């Protein structure tokens, strides 16, 4: 049976406290001169927490920021404008718990002729108990994993994220960057349960925390396989990296039981980093020349680190890829239009 690293949310929070005091090796590598002028940055889950902090940080560095979220439109965008001093902010509605809105969102980007230079996949939830979505998939599985796959597949297929491998619209000298926001709590999670993959399973608070870290391992495995399929030795089509921001004072626990929310909220507010401070490693990975041409890399805050070793096993990546598209096809009638992504462009770079 699949399982994650933590069974207790308080223990997970205390692990975050420990992370807060870790030495940050690359803090000085992000320079004031690192700019995003002329770049379009799309951030999912951007209305609060880390996503909001990233929106402010990228806007301050000159980017055109698209905030993709389901709430606080337009208030969050107006606040980003105020804090960043930039008016190059727009908000677009998408709800990762509703597959149809992802298709509407992707269609609108394509129709409007938008091309994304930097895509930050940040949206996520931590639930106190299992919850079905209108598609039939469990909400945390859908929001924290499948919806990321659907959005990435749509944007690659349409060329909204320019690429040579699928859309054939790459521009010489311009390599898009994808960044998956993850958690170092994925370390030590079980192997992916391919037999039960996507199956609805009931859980409560304890198992919810467990699944949160497990789905981060699943997400990281997908990111690694995506990088492996898009990029080959000496030929980088789309940069795909993963980052854990460390402990962030965010609203991710907003649905936890009252007492637990009070305990964790106290830890978050006293010890954890502000969203904009926590956003800096993401900004670094997305705009610094240090990561130009580097793919399938992982940062834990400002430290280079390896992900869980299971993530790098090519057979695991291929199994996940195949099962992911099978689940997508089962729960979304629109998936048939994008199965070419699953059937073609197979991995030719097993050592990546």
C-alpha atoms as a PDB file:
ATOM      1  CA  UNK A   1       0.000   0.000   0.000  1.00  0.00           C
ATOM      2  CA  UNK A   2       1.245   3.492  -0.840  1.00  0.00           C
ATOM      3  CA  UNK A   3       2.396   5.647   2.040  1.00  0.00           C
ATOM      4  CA  UNK A   4       4.222   8.909   2.620  1.00  0.00           C
ATOM      5  CA  UNK A   5       6.795  10.033   5.134  1.00  0.00           C
ATOM      6  CA  UNK A   6       4.719  11.580   7.912  1.00  0.00           C
ATOM      7  CA  UNK A   7       1.682  10.295   9.805  1.00  0.00           C
ATOM      8  CA  UNK A   8       1.479  13.257  12.171  1.00  0.00           C
ATOM      9  CA  UNK A   9       1.021  16.846  10.916  1.00  0.00           C
ATOM     10  CA  UNK A  10       2.675  18.277  14.028  1.00  0.00           C
ATOM     11  CA  UNK A  11       5.786  16.124  13.483  1.00  0.00           C
ATOM     12  CA  UNK A  12       5.827  17.297   9.861  1.00  0.00           C
ATOM     13  CA  UNK A  13       5.652  20.925  11.032  1.00  0.00           C
ATOM     14  CA  UNK A  14       8.498  20.366  13.496  1.00  0.00           C
ATOM     15  CA  UNK A  15      10.591  18.931  10.662  1.00  0.00           C
ATOM     16  CA  UNK A  16       9.923  22.226   8.899  1.00  0.00           C
ATOM     17  CA  UNK A  17      11.217  24.102  11.945  1.00  0.00           C
ATOM     18  CA  UNK A  18      14.454  22.127  11.660  1.00  0.00           C
ATOM     19  CA  UNK A  19      14.684  23.039   7.972  1.00  0.00           C
ATOM     20  CA  UNK A  20      14.285  26.718   8.847  1.00  0.00           C
ATOM     21  CA  UNK A  21      17.678  26.704  10.555  1.00  0.00           C
ATOM     22  CA  UNK A  22      19.576  24.857   7.830  1.00  0.00           C
ATOM     23  CA  UNK A  23      22.485  26.633   6.158  1.00  0.00           C
ATOM     24  CA  UNK A  24      21.497  27.951   2.724  1.00  0.00           C
ATOM     25  CA  UNK A  25      24.406  27.406   0.339  1.00  0.00           C
ATOM     26  CA  UNK A  26      23.123  29.338  -2.685  1.00  0.00           C
ATOM     27  CA  UNK A  27      21.414  32.332  -1.069  1.00  0.00           C
ATOM     28  CA  UNK A  28      23.921  34.773  -2.548  1.00  0.00           C
ATOM     29  CA  UNK A  29      23.596  33.360  -6.063  1.00  0.00           C
ATOM     30  CA  UNK A  30      20.341  35.242  -6.748  1.00  0.00           C
ATOM     31  CA  UNK A  31      21.447  38.721  -7.799  1.00  0.00           C
ATOM     32  CA  UNK A  32      19.583  42.008  -8.034  1.00  0.00           C
ATOM     33  CA  UNK A  33      20.626  42.002 -11.688  1.00  0.00           C
ATOM     34  CA  UNK A  34      18.731  38.758 -12.353  1.00  0.00           C
ATOM     35  CA  UNK A  35      15.701  40.073 -14.191  1.00  0.00           C
ATOM     36  CA  UNK A  36      12.597  38.705 -15.889  1.00  0.00           C
ATOM     37  CA  UNK A  37      11.878  41.678 -18.165  1.00  0.00           C
ATOM     38  CA  UNK A  38      10.004  40.578 -21.278  1.00  0.00           C
ATOM     39  CA  UNK A  39       9.152  37.198 -19.756  1.00  0.00           C
ATOM     40  CA  UNK A  40       5.642  35.896 -19.152  1.00  0.00           C
ATOM     41  CA  UNK A  41       5.353  33.921 -15.926  1.00  0.00           C
ATOM     42  CA  UNK A  42       2.325  31.760 -15.137  1.00  0.00           C
ATOM     43  CA  UNK A  43       1.871  30.723 -11.498  1.00  0.00           C
ATOM     44  CA  UNK A  44      -0.878  28.364 -10.366  1.00  0.00           C
ATOM     45  CA  UNK A  45      -2.360  28.804  -6.907  1.00  0.00           C
ATOM     46  CA  UNK A  46      -1.131  32.389  -6.909  1.00  0.00           C
ATOM     47  CA  UNK A  47      -3.774  34.122  -4.805  1.00  0.00           C
ATOM     48  CA  UNK A  48      -2.205  33.296  -1.426  1.00  0.00           C
ATOM     49  CA  UNK A  49       0.772  31.764   0.350  1.00  0.00           C
ATOM     50  CA  UNK A  50       3.851  30.843  -1.646  1.00  0.00           C
ATOM     51  CA  UNK A  51       2.116  31.442  -4.989  1.00  0.00           C
ATOM     52  CA  UNK A  52       1.279  34.996  -3.978  1.00  0.00           C
ATOM     53  CA  UNK A  53       4.838  35.533  -2.764  1.00  0.00           C
ATOM     54  CA  UNK A  54       6.198  34.314  -6.086  1.00  0.00           C
ATOM     55  CA  UNK A  55       3.847  36.607  -7.998  1.00  0.00           C
ATOM     56  CA  UNK A  56       5.190  39.608  -6.078  1.00  0.00           C
ATOM     57  CA  UNK A  57       8.805  38.488  -6.468  1.00  0.00           C
ATOM     58  CA  UNK A  58       8.597  37.897 -10.231  1.00  0.00           C
ATOM     59  CA  UNK A  59       6.679  41.147 -10.758  1.00  0.00           C
ATOM     60  CA  UNK A  60       9.384  43.096  -8.925  1.00  0.00           C
ATOM     61  CA  UNK A  61      11.891  41.688 -11.407  1.00  0.00           C
ATOM     62  CA  UNK A  62       9.952  42.895 -14.437  1.00  0.00           C
ATOM     63  CA  UNK A  63       7.910  39.856 -15.463  1.00  0.00           C
ATOM     64  CA  UNK A  64       4.415  39.877 -16.885  1.00  0.00           C
ATOM     65  CA  UNK A  65       2.736  37.693 -14.259  1.00  0.00           C
ATOM     66  CA  UNK A  66      -0.380  35.610 -14.860  1.00  0.00           C
ATOM     67  CA  UNK A  67      -1.929  34.551 -11.563  1.00  0.00           C
ATOM     68  CA  UNK A  68      -3.966  31.385 -12.084  1.00  0.00           C
ATOM     69  CA  UNK A  69      -6.317  30.668  -9.195  1.00  0.00           C
ATOM     70  CA  UNK A  70      -9.884  30.005  -8.128  1.00  0.00           C
ATOM     71  CA  UNK A  71     -10.352  32.701  -5.490  1.00  0.00           C
ATOM     72  CA  UNK A  72      -9.652  36.364  -4.704  1.00  0.00           C
ATOM     73  CA  UNK A  73     -10.028  37.638  -8.248  1.00  0.00           C
ATOM     74  CA  UNK A  74      -9.240  40.519  -8.655  1.00  0.00           C
ATOM     75  CA  UNK A  75      -8.270  41.471  -5.056  1.00  0.00           C
ATOM     76  CA  UNK A  76      -5.092  39.361  -4.924  1.00  0.00           C
ATOM     77  CA  UNK A  77      -3.891  40.770  -8.234  1.00  0.00           C
ATOM     78  CA  UNK A  78      -4.443  44.331  -7.072  1.00  0.00           C
ATOM     79  CA  UNK A  79      -2.418  43.597  -3.940  1.00  0.00           C
ATOM     80  CA  UNK A  80       0.437  42.162  -6.030  1.00  0.00           C
ATOM     81  CA  UNK A  81       0.412  45.350  -8.094  1.00  0.00           C
ATOM     82  CA  UNK A  82       0.605  47.433  -4.935  1.00  0.00           C
ATOM     83  CA  UNK A  83       3.422  45.436  -3.350  1.00  0.00           C
ATOM     84  CA  UNK A  84       5.492  45.049  -6.511  1.00  0.00           C
ATOM     85  CA  UNK A  85       4.948  48.458  -8.065  1.00  0.00           C
ATOM     86  CA  UNK A  86       4.173  46.725 -11.367  1.00  0.00           C
ATOM     87  CA  UNK A  87       0.982  46.861 -13.405  1.00  0.00           C
ATOM     88  CA  UNK A  88       1.949  43.853 -15.551  1.00  0.00           C
ATOM     89  CA  UNK A  89      -0.299  41.553 -13.544  1.00  0.00           C
ATOM     90  CA  UNK A  90      -3.356  39.650 -14.696  1.00  0.00           C
ATOM     91  CA  UNK A  91      -5.537  37.058 -13.021  1.00  0.00           C
ATOM     92  CA  UNK A  92      -7.240  34.115 -14.698  1.00  0.00           C
ATOM     93  CA  UNK A  93      -9.655  31.652 -13.197  1.00  0.00           C
ATOM     94  CA  UNK A  94      -8.850  27.966 -12.926  1.00  0.00           C
ATOM     95  CA  UNK A  95      -9.886  25.411 -10.321  1.00  0.00           C
ATOM     96  CA  UNK A  96      -7.617  22.374 -10.147  1.00  0.00           C
ATOM     97  CA  UNK A  97     -10.412  20.361  -8.517  1.00  0.00           C
ATOM     98  CA  UNK A  98     -12.525  20.783 -11.688  1.00  0.00           C
ATOM     99  CA  UNK A  99     -10.970  19.355 -14.831  1.00  0.00           C
ATOM    100  CA  UNK A 100     -13.244  21.314 -17.159  1.00  0.00           C
ATOM    101  CA  UNK A 101     -11.866  24.628 -15.905  1.00  0.00           C
ATOM    102  CA  UNK A 102      -8.338  23.515 -16.799  1.00  0.00           C
ATOM    103  CA  UNK A 103      -9.417  22.979 -20.399  1.00  0.00           C
ATOM    104  CA  UNK A 104     -11.205  26.346 -20.459  1.00  0.00           C
ATOM    105  CA  UNK A 105      -8.118  28.017 -19.013  1.00  0.00           C
ATOM    106  CA  UNK A 106      -5.764  26.398 -21.534  1.00  0.00           C
ATOM    107  CA  UNK A 107      -8.113  27.194 -24.427  1.00  0.00           C
ATOM    108  CA  UNK A 108      -8.234  30.868 -23.420  1.00  0.00           C
ATOM    109  CA  UNK A 109      -4.445  31.157 -23.237  1.00  0.00           C
ATOM    110  CA  UNK A 110      -4.127  29.672 -26.715  1.00  0.00           C
ATOM    111  CA  UNK A 111      -6.927  31.832 -28.137  1.00  0.00           C
ATOM    112  CA  UNK A 112      -5.327  34.973 -26.697  1.00  0.00           C
ATOM    113  CA  UNK A 113      -1.984  34.151 -28.305  1.00  0.00           C
ATOM    114  CA  UNK A 114      -0.128  33.953 -25.014  1.00  0.00           C
ATOM    115  CA  UNK A 115       3.215  32.181 -24.756  1.00  0.00           C
ATOM    116  CA  UNK A 116       4.527  31.202 -21.347  1.00  0.00           C
ATOM    117  CA  UNK A 117       8.255  31.526 -20.715  1.00  0.00           C
ATOM    118  CA  UNK A 118       8.153  30.353 -17.093  1.00  0.00           C
ATOM    119  CA  UNK A 119       5.483  28.006 -15.741  1.00  0.00           C
ATOM    120  CA  UNK A 120       5.392  27.491 -11.974  1.00  0.00           C
ATOM    121  CA  UNK A 121       3.135  24.632 -10.899  1.00  0.00           C
ATOM    122  CA  UNK A 122       2.369  25.587  -7.336  1.00  0.00           C
ATOM    123  CA  UNK A 123      -1.317  24.840  -6.680  1.00  0.00           C
ATOM    124  CA  UNK A 124      -1.918  22.240  -4.002  1.00  0.00           C
ATOM    125  CA  UNK A 125      -4.115  21.286  -1.068  1.00  0.00           C
ATOM    126  CA  UNK A 126      -3.704  19.482   2.247  1.00  0.00           C
ATOM    127  CA  UNK A 127      -7.043  18.002   3.280  1.00  0.00           C
ATOM    128  CA  UNK A 128      -8.211  16.669   6.657  1.00  0.00           C
ATOM    129  CA  UNK A 129     -10.114  13.863   4.951  1.00  0.00           C
ATOM    130  CA  UNK A 130     -10.746  12.398   1.530  1.00  0.00           C
ATOM    131  CA  UNK A 131     -13.175  14.243  -0.694  1.00  0.00           C
ATOM    132  CA  UNK A 132     -14.630  13.269  -4.073  1.00  0.00           C
ATOM    133  CA  UNK A 133     -14.588  15.728  -6.964  1.00  0.00           C
ATOM    134  CA  UNK A 134     -17.183  16.030  -9.707  1.00  0.00           C
ATOM    135  CA  UNK A 135     -14.940  13.890 -11.937  1.00  0.00           C
ATOM    136  CA  UNK A 136     -14.926  11.050  -9.395  1.00  0.00           C
ATOM    137  CA  UNK A 137     -11.241  11.401  -8.548  1.00  0.00           C
ATOM    138  CA  UNK A 138     -10.181  12.093  -4.973  1.00  0.00           C
ATOM    139  CA  UNK A 139      -9.473  15.808  -4.536  1.00  0.00           C
ATOM    140  CA  UNK A 140      -5.907  15.707  -3.224  1.00  0.00           C
ATOM    141  CA  UNK A 141      -4.874  13.250  -5.948  1.00  0.00           C
ATOM    142  CA  UNK A 142      -6.478  15.461  -8.594  1.00  0.00           C
ATOM    143  CA  UNK A 143      -5.277  18.857  -7.359  1.00  0.00           C
ATOM    144  CA  UNK A 144      -1.785  17.870  -6.237  1.00  0.00           C
ATOM    145  CA  UNK A 145      -0.993  15.602  -9.167  1.00  0.00           C
ATOM    146  CA  UNK A 146      -3.357  14.930 -12.069  1.00  0.00           C
ATOM    147  CA  UNK A 147      -4.345  18.535 -12.739  1.00  0.00           C
ATOM    148  CA  UNK A 148      -0.681  19.458 -13.089  1.00  0.00           C
ATOM    149  CA  UNK A 149      -0.287  16.761 -15.721  1.00  0.00           C
ATOM    150  CA  UNK A 150      -3.393  17.899 -17.585  1.00  0.00           C
ATOM    151  CA  UNK A 151      -2.338  21.548 -17.638  1.00  0.00           C
ATOM    152  CA  UNK A 152       1.237  20.794 -18.688  1.00  0.00           C
ATOM    153  CA  UNK A 153       0.020  18.435 -21.412  1.00  0.00           C
ATOM    154  CA  UNK A 154      -2.394  21.036 -22.750  1.00  0.00           C
ATOM    155  CA  UNK A 155       0.167  23.851 -22.783  1.00  0.00           C
ATOM    156  CA  UNK A 156       2.843  21.721 -24.449  1.00  0.00           C
ATOM    157  CA  UNK A 157       0.429  20.359 -27.071  1.00  0.00           C
ATOM    158  CA  UNK A 158      -0.859  23.818 -27.996  1.00  0.00           C
ATOM    159  CA  UNK A 159       2.573  25.429 -27.974  1.00  0.00           C
ATOM    160  CA  UNK A 160       1.550  27.969 -25.325  1.00  0.00           C
ATOM    161  CA  UNK A 161       4.735  26.653 -23.757  1.00  0.00           C
ATOM    162  CA  UNK A 162       6.891  26.637 -26.866  1.00  0.00           C
ATOM    163  CA  UNK A 163       8.644  23.364 -27.615  1.00  0.00           C
ATOM    164  CA  UNK A 164      10.123  21.404 -30.474  1.00  0.00           C
ATOM    165  CA  UNK A 165       9.178  17.904 -29.353  1.00  0.00           C
ATOM    166  CA  UNK A 166       5.380  18.185 -29.435  1.00  0.00           C
ATOM    167  CA  UNK A 167       4.171  21.537 -30.803  1.00  0.00           C
ATOM    168  CA  UNK A 168       7.124  22.152 -33.093  1.00  0.00           C
ATOM    169  CA  UNK A 169       7.182  25.890 -32.358  1.00  0.00           C
ATOM    170  CA  UNK A 170      10.414  26.280 -30.407  1.00  0.00           C
ATOM    171  CA  UNK A 171      12.255  29.577 -30.827  1.00  0.00           C
ATOM    172  CA  UNK A 172      16.033  29.445 -31.102  1.00  0.00           C
ATOM    173  CA  UNK A 173      17.740  30.743 -27.985  1.00  0.00           C
ATOM    174  CA  UNK A 174      14.537  30.775 -25.917  1.00  0.00           C
ATOM    175  CA  UNK A 175      14.121  27.762 -23.660  1.00  0.00           C
ATOM    176  CA  UNK A 176      10.988  27.750 -21.469  1.00  0.00           C
ATOM    177  CA  UNK A 177      11.341  26.737 -17.834  1.00  0.00           C
ATOM    178  CA  UNK A 178       8.880  24.604 -15.878  1.00  0.00           C
ATOM    179  CA  UNK A 179       9.138  24.472 -12.113  1.00  0.00           C
ATOM    180  CA  UNK A 180       7.173  22.025  -9.982  1.00  0.00           C
ATOM    181  CA  UNK A 181       6.736  23.143  -6.385  1.00  0.00           C
ATOM    182  CA  UNK A 182       7.138  20.115  -4.167  1.00  0.00           C
ATOM    183  CA  UNK A 183       8.031  19.192  -0.607  1.00  0.00           C
ATOM    184  CA  UNK A 184      11.068  17.469   0.831  1.00  0.00           C
ATOM    185  CA  UNK A 185       8.581  15.399   2.813  1.00  0.00           C
ATOM    186  CA  UNK A 186       8.478  13.196  -0.296  1.00  0.00           C
ATOM    187  CA  UNK A 187      11.769  11.674   0.847  1.00  0.00           C
ATOM    188  CA  UNK A 188      11.177   8.188   2.231  1.00  0.00           C
ATOM    189  CA  UNK A 189       7.724   7.735   0.722  1.00  0.00           C
ATOM    190  CA  UNK A 190       6.877   4.310  -0.644  1.00  0.00           C
ATOM    191  CA  UNK A 191       7.206   3.147  -4.202  1.00  0.00           C
ATOM    192  CA  UNK A 192       4.244   4.216  -6.313  1.00  0.00           C
ATOM    193  CA  UNK A 193       1.360   1.769  -6.010  1.00  0.00           C
ATOM    194  CA  UNK A 194       0.718   1.278  -9.711  1.00  0.00           C
ATOM    195  CA  UNK A 195      -2.063  -1.278  -9.191  1.00  0.00           C
ATOM    196  CA  UNK A 196      -4.194   1.121  -7.133  1.00  0.00           C
ATOM    197  CA  UNK A 197      -3.080   4.284  -8.911  1.00  0.00           C
ATOM    198  CA  UNK A 198      -5.928   6.803  -9.130  1.00  0.00           C
ATOM    199  CA  UNK A 199      -8.340   4.625  -7.145  1.00  0.00           C
ATOM    200  CA  UNK A 200     -10.513   6.541  -4.697  1.00  0.00           C
ATOM    201  CA  UNK A 201      -9.521   5.729  -1.124  1.00  0.00           C
ATOM    202  CA  UNK A 202     -10.987   7.179   2.054  1.00  0.00           C
ATOM    203  CA  UNK A 203      -8.638   8.764   4.598  1.00  0.00           C
ATOM    204  CA  UNK A 204      -8.643  11.008   7.663  1.00  0.00           C
ATOM    205  CA  UNK A 205      -6.226  13.589   9.095  1.00  0.00           C
ATOM    206  CA  UNK A 206      -3.348  11.183   9.761  1.00  0.00           C
ATOM    207  CA  UNK A 207      -3.491   9.476   6.385  1.00  0.00           C
ATOM    208  CA  UNK A 208      -4.109  12.823   4.702  1.00  0.00           C
ATOM    209  CA  UNK A 209      -0.684  14.082   5.771  1.00  0.00           C
ATOM    210  CA  UNK A 210       0.746  10.756   4.672  1.00  0.00           C
ATOM    211  CA  UNK A 211      -0.799  11.021   1.216  1.00  0.00           C
ATOM    212  CA  UNK A 212       0.319  14.636   0.860  1.00  0.00           C
ATOM    213  CA  UNK A 213       3.980  13.592   0.972  1.00  0.00           C
ATOM    214  CA  UNK A 214       3.322  10.497  -1.159  1.00  0.00           C
ATOM    215  CA  UNK A 215       1.719  12.570  -3.919  1.00  0.00           C
ATOM    216  CA  UNK A 216       4.768  14.834  -3.889  1.00  0.00           C
ATOM    217  CA  UNK A 217       6.894  11.782  -4.691  1.00  0.00           C
ATOM    218  CA  UNK A 218       4.461  10.965  -7.507  1.00  0.00           C
ATOM    219  CA  UNK A 219       4.671  14.541  -8.808  1.00  0.00           C
ATOM    220  CA  UNK A 220       8.470  14.552  -8.693  1.00  0.00           C
ATOM    221  CA  UNK A 221       8.598  11.238 -10.547  1.00  0.00           C
ATOM    222  CA  UNK A 222       6.388  12.705 -13.274  1.00  0.00           C
ATOM    223  CA  UNK A 223       8.575  15.825 -13.513  1.00  0.00           C
ATOM    224  CA  UNK A 224      11.670  13.655 -13.910  1.00  0.00           C
ATOM    225  CA  UNK A 225      10.034  11.529 -16.598  1.00  0.00           C
ATOM    226  CA  UNK A 226       8.780  14.654 -18.396  1.00  0.00           C
ATOM    227  CA  UNK A 227      12.304  16.069 -18.421  1.00  0.00           C
ATOM    228  CA  UNK A 228      13.635  12.743 -19.665  1.00  0.00           C
ATOM    229  CA  UNK A 229      11.165  12.692 -22.568  1.00  0.00           C
ATOM    230  CA  UNK A 230      11.527  16.329 -23.602  1.00  0.00           C
ATOM    231  CA  UNK A 231      15.278  16.649 -23.294  1.00  0.00           C
ATOM    232  CA  UNK A 232      18.191  14.628 -24.551  1.00  0.00           C
ATOM    233  CA  UNK A 233      21.914  14.870 -24.085  1.00  0.00           C
ATOM    234  CA  UNK A 234      23.028  18.310 -25.262  1.00  0.00           C
ATOM    235  CA  UNK A 235      19.575  19.193 -26.597  1.00  0.00           C
ATOM    236  CA  UNK A 236      17.409  20.985 -24.035  1.00  0.00           C
ATOM    237  CA  UNK A 237      13.906  21.667 -25.339  1.00  0.00           C
ATOM    238  CA  UNK A 238      12.095  22.622 -22.114  1.00  0.00           C
ATOM    239  CA  UNK A 239      13.810  22.929 -18.738  1.00  0.00           C
ATOM    240  CA  UNK A 240      11.934  20.953 -16.067  1.00  0.00           C
ATOM    241  CA  UNK A 241      12.996  21.356 -12.438  1.00  0.00           C
ATOM    242  CA  UNK A 242      11.623  20.781  -8.931  1.00  0.00           C
ATOM    243  CA  UNK A 243      11.876  22.925  -5.809  1.00  0.00           C
ATOM    244  CA  UNK A 244      10.866  22.607  -2.170  1.00  0.00           C
ATOM    245  CA  UNK A 245      10.488  26.047  -0.552  1.00  0.00           C
ATOM    246  CA  UNK A 246      10.940  24.714   2.963  1.00  0.00           C
ATOM    247  CA  UNK A 247       8.698  25.931   5.782  1.00  0.00           C
ATOM    248  CA  UNK A 248       6.302  28.653   4.591  1.00  0.00           C
ATOM    249  CA  UNK A 249       3.762  30.645   6.582  1.00  0.00           C
ATOM    250  CA  UNK A 250       0.843  29.864   4.273  1.00  0.00           C
ATOM    251  CA  UNK A 251      -2.828  28.913   4.340  1.00  0.00           C
ATOM    252  CA  UNK A 252      -2.300  25.304   3.282  1.00  0.00           C
ATOM    253  CA  UNK A 253      -3.689  24.089   6.638  1.00  0.00           C
ATOM    254  CA  UNK A 254      -6.869  26.168   6.397  1.00  0.00           C
ATOM    255  CA  UNK A 255      -9.067  23.054   6.250  1.00  0.00           C
ATOM    256  CA  UNK A 256      -7.448  21.248   9.177  1.00  0.00           C
ATOM    257  CA  UNK A 257      -9.502  20.621  12.354  1.00  0.00           C
ATOM    258  CA  UNK A 258      -9.761  23.693  14.602  1.00  0.00           C
ATOM    259  CA  UNK A 259      -7.309  22.609  17.332  1.00  0.00           C
ATOM    260  CA  UNK A 260      -4.733  21.329  14.871  1.00  0.00           C
ATOM    261  CA  UNK A 261      -5.082  24.529  12.842  1.00  0.00           C
ATOM    262  CA  UNK A 262      -4.372  26.598  15.967  1.00  0.00           C
ATOM    263  CA  UNK A 263      -1.286  24.549  16.893  1.00  0.00           C
ATOM    264  CA  UNK A 264       0.175  24.536  13.394  1.00  0.00           C
ATOM    265  CA  UNK A 265      -0.789  28.161  12.783  1.00  0.00           C
ATOM    266  CA  UNK A 266       1.240  29.171  15.817  1.00  0.00           C
ATOM    267  CA  UNK A 267       4.293  27.295  14.548  1.00  0.00           C
ATOM    268  CA  UNK A 268       3.840  28.732  11.060  1.00  0.00           C
ATOM    269  CA  UNK A 269       3.523  32.353  12.160  1.00  0.00           C
ATOM    270  CA  UNK A 270       6.410  32.305  14.639  1.00  0.00           C
ATOM    271  CA  UNK A 271       9.056  30.251  12.838  1.00  0.00           C
ATOM    272  CA  UNK A 272       8.194  29.753   9.173  1.00  0.00           C
ATOM    273  CA  UNK A 273       9.329  32.057   6.365  1.00  0.00           C
ATOM    274  CA  UNK A 274       7.131  34.686   4.768  1.00  0.00           C
ATOM    275  CA  UNK A 275       5.795  33.716   1.328  1.00  0.00           C
ATOM    276  CA  UNK A 276       7.989  36.236  -0.501  1.00  0.00           C
ATOM    277  CA  UNK A 277      11.136  35.097   1.314  1.00  0.00           C
ATOM    278  CA  UNK A 278      10.258  31.463   0.597  1.00  0.00           C
ATOM    279  CA  UNK A 279       9.728  32.357  -3.076  1.00  0.00           C
ATOM    280  CA  UNK A 280      13.324  33.422  -3.685  1.00  0.00           C
ATOM    281  CA  UNK A 281      14.750  29.948  -4.526  1.00  0.00           C
ATOM    282  CA  UNK A 282      11.964  29.509  -7.091  1.00  0.00           C
ATOM    283  CA  UNK A 283      12.816  32.851  -8.670  1.00  0.00           C
ATOM    284  CA  UNK A 284      16.482  31.833  -8.700  1.00  0.00           C
ATOM    285  CA  UNK A 285      15.774  28.544 -10.476  1.00  0.00           C
ATOM    286  CA  UNK A 286      13.537  30.229 -13.039  1.00  0.00           C
ATOM    287  CA  UNK A 287      15.600  33.253 -14.083  1.00  0.00           C
ATOM    288  CA  UNK A 288      19.235  32.760 -13.070  1.00  0.00           C
ATOM    289  CA  UNK A 289      21.821  31.863 -15.679  1.00  0.00           C
ATOM    290  CA  UNK A 290      23.007  29.247 -13.178  1.00  0.00           C
ATOM    291  CA  UNK A 291      20.063  27.111 -14.315  1.00  0.00           C
ATOM    292  CA  UNK A 292      20.098  27.924 -18.012  1.00  0.00           C
ATOM    293  CA  UNK A 293      20.410  24.557 -19.723  1.00  0.00           C
ATOM    294  CA  UNK A 294      20.036  22.581 -16.491  1.00  0.00           C
ATOM    295  CA  UNK A 295      17.091  20.222 -16.261  1.00  0.00           C
ATOM    296  CA  UNK A 296      15.853  17.593 -13.793  1.00  0.00           C
ATOM    297  CA  UNK A 297      17.464  19.481 -10.904  1.00  0.00           C
ATOM    298  CA  UNK A 298      16.122  19.769  -7.358  1.00  0.00           C
ATOM    299  CA  UNK A 299      16.507  22.574  -4.855  1.00  0.00           C
ATOM    300  CA  UNK A 300      15.524  22.228  -1.217  1.00  0.00           C
ATOM    301  CA  UNK A 301      15.257  25.923  -0.385  1.00  0.00           C
ATOM    302  CA  UNK A 302      18.641  27.316  -1.478  1.00  0.00           C
ATOM    303  CA  UNK A 303      20.422  23.948  -1.308  1.00  0.00           C
ATOM    304  CA  UNK A 304      21.135  21.573  -4.185  1.00  0.00           C
ATOM    305  CA  UNK A 305      19.913  18.134  -3.229  1.00  0.00           C
ATOM    306  CA  UNK A 306      18.916  14.790  -4.699  1.00  0.00           C
ATOM    307  CA  UNK A 307      15.297  13.728  -4.620  1.00  0.00           C
ATOM    308  CA  UNK A 308      14.331  10.315  -3.272  1.00  0.00           C
ATOM    309  CA  UNK A 309      16.320   7.730  -5.230  1.00  0.00           C
ATOM    310  CA  UNK A 310      13.161   5.956  -6.449  1.00  0.00           C
ATOM    311  CA  UNK A 311      12.301   9.012  -8.526  1.00  0.00           C
ATOM    312  CA  UNK A 312      15.278   8.476 -10.824  1.00  0.00           C
ATOM    313  CA  UNK A 313      14.433   4.868 -11.761  1.00  0.00           C
ATOM    314  CA  UNK A 314      13.487   4.969 -15.482  1.00  0.00           C
ATOM    315  CA  UNK A 315      11.098   2.010 -15.197  1.00  0.00           C
ATOM    316  CA  UNK A 316       9.180   3.779 -12.418  1.00  0.00           C
ATOM    317  CA  UNK A 317       8.890   6.907 -14.531  1.00  0.00           C
ATOM    318  CA  UNK A 318       7.604   5.004 -17.547  1.00  0.00           C
ATOM    319  CA  UNK A 319       5.032   3.079 -15.487  1.00  0.00           C
ATOM    320  CA  UNK A 320       3.786   6.288 -13.915  1.00  0.00           C
ATOM    321  CA  UNK A 321       3.586   8.000 -17.305  1.00  0.00           C
ATOM    322  CA  UNK A 322       1.516   5.162 -18.788  1.00  0.00           C
ATOM    323  CA  UNK A 323      -0.798   4.822 -15.791  1.00  0.00           C
ATOM    324  CA  UNK A 324      -1.287   8.573 -15.539  1.00  0.00           C
ATOM    325  CA  UNK A 325      -2.597   8.828 -19.084  1.00  0.00           C
ATOM    326  CA  UNK A 326      -4.788   5.772 -18.533  1.00  0.00           C
ATOM    327  CA  UNK A 327      -6.392   7.433 -15.503  1.00  0.00           C
ATOM    328  CA  UNK A 328      -6.787  10.715 -17.383  1.00  0.00           C
ATOM    329  CA  UNK A 329      -8.568   8.965 -20.237  1.00  0.00           C
ATOM    330  CA  UNK A 330     -10.841   7.157 -17.779  1.00  0.00           C
ATOM    331  CA  UNK A 331     -12.023  10.323 -16.017  1.00  0.00           C
ATOM    332  CA  UNK A 332     -11.876  13.005 -18.708  1.00  0.00           C
ATOM    333  CA  UNK A 333     -13.488  12.658 -22.159  1.00  0.00           C
ATOM    334  CA  UNK A 334     -11.201  15.421 -23.455  1.00  0.00           C
ATOM    335  CA  UNK A 335      -8.111  13.308 -22.768  1.00  0.00           C
ATOM    336  CA  UNK A 336      -8.426  11.453 -26.066  1.00  0.00           C
ATOM    337  CA  UNK A 337      -7.293  14.622 -27.855  1.00  0.00           C
ATOM    338  CA  UNK A 338      -3.964  14.582 -26.019  1.00  0.00           C
ATOM    339  CA  UNK A 339      -3.069  10.906 -25.850  1.00  0.00           C
ATOM    340  CA  UNK A 340      -0.468  11.507 -28.542  1.00  0.00           C
ATOM    341  CA  UNK A 341       1.610  12.801 -25.642  1.00  0.00           C
ATOM    342  CA  UNK A 342       1.444   9.368 -24.044  1.00  0.00           C
ATOM    343  CA  UNK A 343       1.850   7.309 -27.193  1.00  0.00           C
ATOM    344  CA  UNK A 344       4.634   9.222 -28.907  1.00  0.00           C
ATOM    345  CA  UNK A 345       7.896  10.862 -27.961  1.00  0.00           C
ATOM    346  CA  UNK A 346       8.952   8.034 -25.686  1.00  0.00           C
ATOM    347  CA  UNK A 347      11.949   8.395 -23.438  1.00  0.00           C
ATOM    348  CA  UNK A 348      15.282   7.964 -25.185  1.00  0.00           C
ATOM    349  CA  UNK A 349      17.421   9.233 -22.349  1.00  0.00           C
ATOM    350  CA  UNK A 350      17.233   6.658 -19.542  1.00  0.00           C
ATOM    351  CA  UNK A 351      20.207   8.051 -17.674  1.00  0.00           C
ATOM    352  CA  UNK A 352      18.647  11.506 -17.181  1.00  0.00           C
END
